[in-house]
Amino acid sequence: MPEGVVTASVCRISGLRPTQGCIRMSNTYTEFFVRGTVPANYCEECMSAATQAPTIRLNGRSSITLTVGEEYIEQRSNSNRRV
């Protein structure tokens, strides 16, 4: 690596220093910078996205709320299906 070049972790979305939200969502990568040019500010986009609870509407009537990283798997029965 050339002298005066450093590496730092940054957020893929904002290009800023990553927060725990970026890390949880796997939105980080290592970038090369000229020494002294590493972003000083931290990403706010992933932190707010990581703390929002996604809501899924089911048939427009009921809904469920998931925590970050939780999956929803719907199981359907074909017993009432007409052919």
Protein backbone atom coordinates (compact mmCIF):
# COMPACT_ATOMS: atom_id res chain seq x y z
CA MET A 1 0.00 0.00 0.00
CA PRO A 2 1.38 3.43 -0.86
CA GLU A 3 2.55 5.64 1.96
CA GLY A 4 -0.17 8.02 3.13
CA VAL A 5 -3.03 5.68 2.15
CA VAL A 6 -5.19 4.17 4.91
CA THR A 7 -8.22 1.91 5.00
CA ALA A 8 -11.44 2.43 6.90
CA SER A 9 -14.83 0.78 7.13
CA VAL A 10 -17.65 2.79 5.56
CA CYS A 11 -21.37 2.35 4.97
CA ARG A 12 -22.39 1.22 1.46
CA ILE A 13 -25.47 3.46 1.59
CA SER A 14 -24.09 6.77 2.85
CA GLY A 15 -20.31 6.47 2.39
CA LEU A 16 -19.90 7.61 6.01
CA ARG A 17 -18.50 5.83 9.07
CA PRO A 18 -20.69 2.83 9.92
CA THR A 19 -22.96 2.54 12.94
CA GLN A 20 -24.29 -0.63 14.56
CA GLY A 21 -27.27 -0.37 12.18
CA CYS A 22 -24.94 -0.57 9.15
CA ILE A 23 -23.12 -3.53 10.63
CA ARG A 24 -26.36 -5.39 11.51
CA MET A 25 -27.63 -4.88 7.97
CA SER A 26 -24.28 -5.92 6.42
CA ASN A 27 -23.92 -2.52 4.72
CA THR A 28 -20.19 -2.03 5.33
CA TYR A 29 -17.07 -2.39 3.23
CA THR A 30 -13.43 -1.36 3.43
CA GLU A 31 -12.42 1.72 1.42
CA PHE A 32 -9.04 3.32 0.74
CA PHE A 33 -8.45 6.95 1.74
CA VAL A 34 -5.62 9.44 1.67
CA ARG A 35 -4.61 9.87 5.32
CA GLY A 36 -6.72 12.61 6.88
CA THR A 37 -9.69 12.20 4.51
CA VAL A 38 -11.55 9.37 6.29
CA PRO A 39 -15.15 10.58 6.88
CA ALA A 40 -15.62 11.97 10.38
CA ASN A 41 -19.43 11.72 10.42
CA TYR A 42 -21.40 8.55 11.13
CA CYS A 43 -24.23 7.15 9.01
CA GLU A 44 -27.71 8.04 10.22
CA GLU A 45 -29.62 6.31 7.42
CA CYS A 46 -28.97 2.72 8.50
CA MET A 47 -29.45 3.47 12.17
CA SER A 48 -32.97 4.78 11.58
CA ALA A 49 -33.76 1.94 9.15
CA ALA A 50 -32.48 -0.64 11.63
CA THR A 51 -34.69 0.64 14.44
CA GLN A 52 -37.89 0.81 12.41
CA ALA A 53 -40.09 -2.23 12.77
CA PRO A 54 -41.36 -3.44 9.40
CA THR A 55 -45.08 -4.12 9.20
CA ILE A 56 -46.62 -6.59 6.79
CA ARG A 57 -50.29 -6.41 5.83
CA LEU A 58 -52.01 -9.74 5.37
CA ASN A 59 -54.84 -9.66 2.84
CA GLY A 60 -55.32 -5.99 3.64
CA ARG A 61 -56.92 -6.78 7.00
CA SER A 62 -54.50 -7.86 9.68
CA SER A 63 -50.84 -7.06 10.09
CA ILE A 64 -47.77 -8.36 11.88
CA THR A 65 -44.69 -6.49 13.05
CA LEU A 66 -41.23 -7.99 12.67
CA THR A 67 -38.06 -7.15 14.53
CA VAL A 68 -34.89 -6.50 12.56
CA GLY A 69 -33.55 -9.76 11.13
CA GLU A 70 -36.76 -11.69 11.77
CA GLU A 71 -38.35 -13.53 8.84
CA TYR A 72 -42.01 -14.11 8.03
CA ILE A 73 -42.83 -17.38 6.32
CA GLU A 74 -46.40 -17.87 5.21
CA GLN A 75 -47.81 -21.35 4.94
CA ARG A 76 -50.82 -21.81 2.72
CA SER A 77 -53.15 -24.71 2.44
CA ASN A 78 -54.33 -25.79 -1.00
CA SER A 79 -57.23 -27.85 0.39
CA ASN A 80 -59.84 -25.26 -0.72
CA ARG A 81 -58.40 -24.86 -4.17
CA ARG A 82 -60.71 -25.66 -7.07
CA VAL A 83 -59.27 -27.07 -10.26
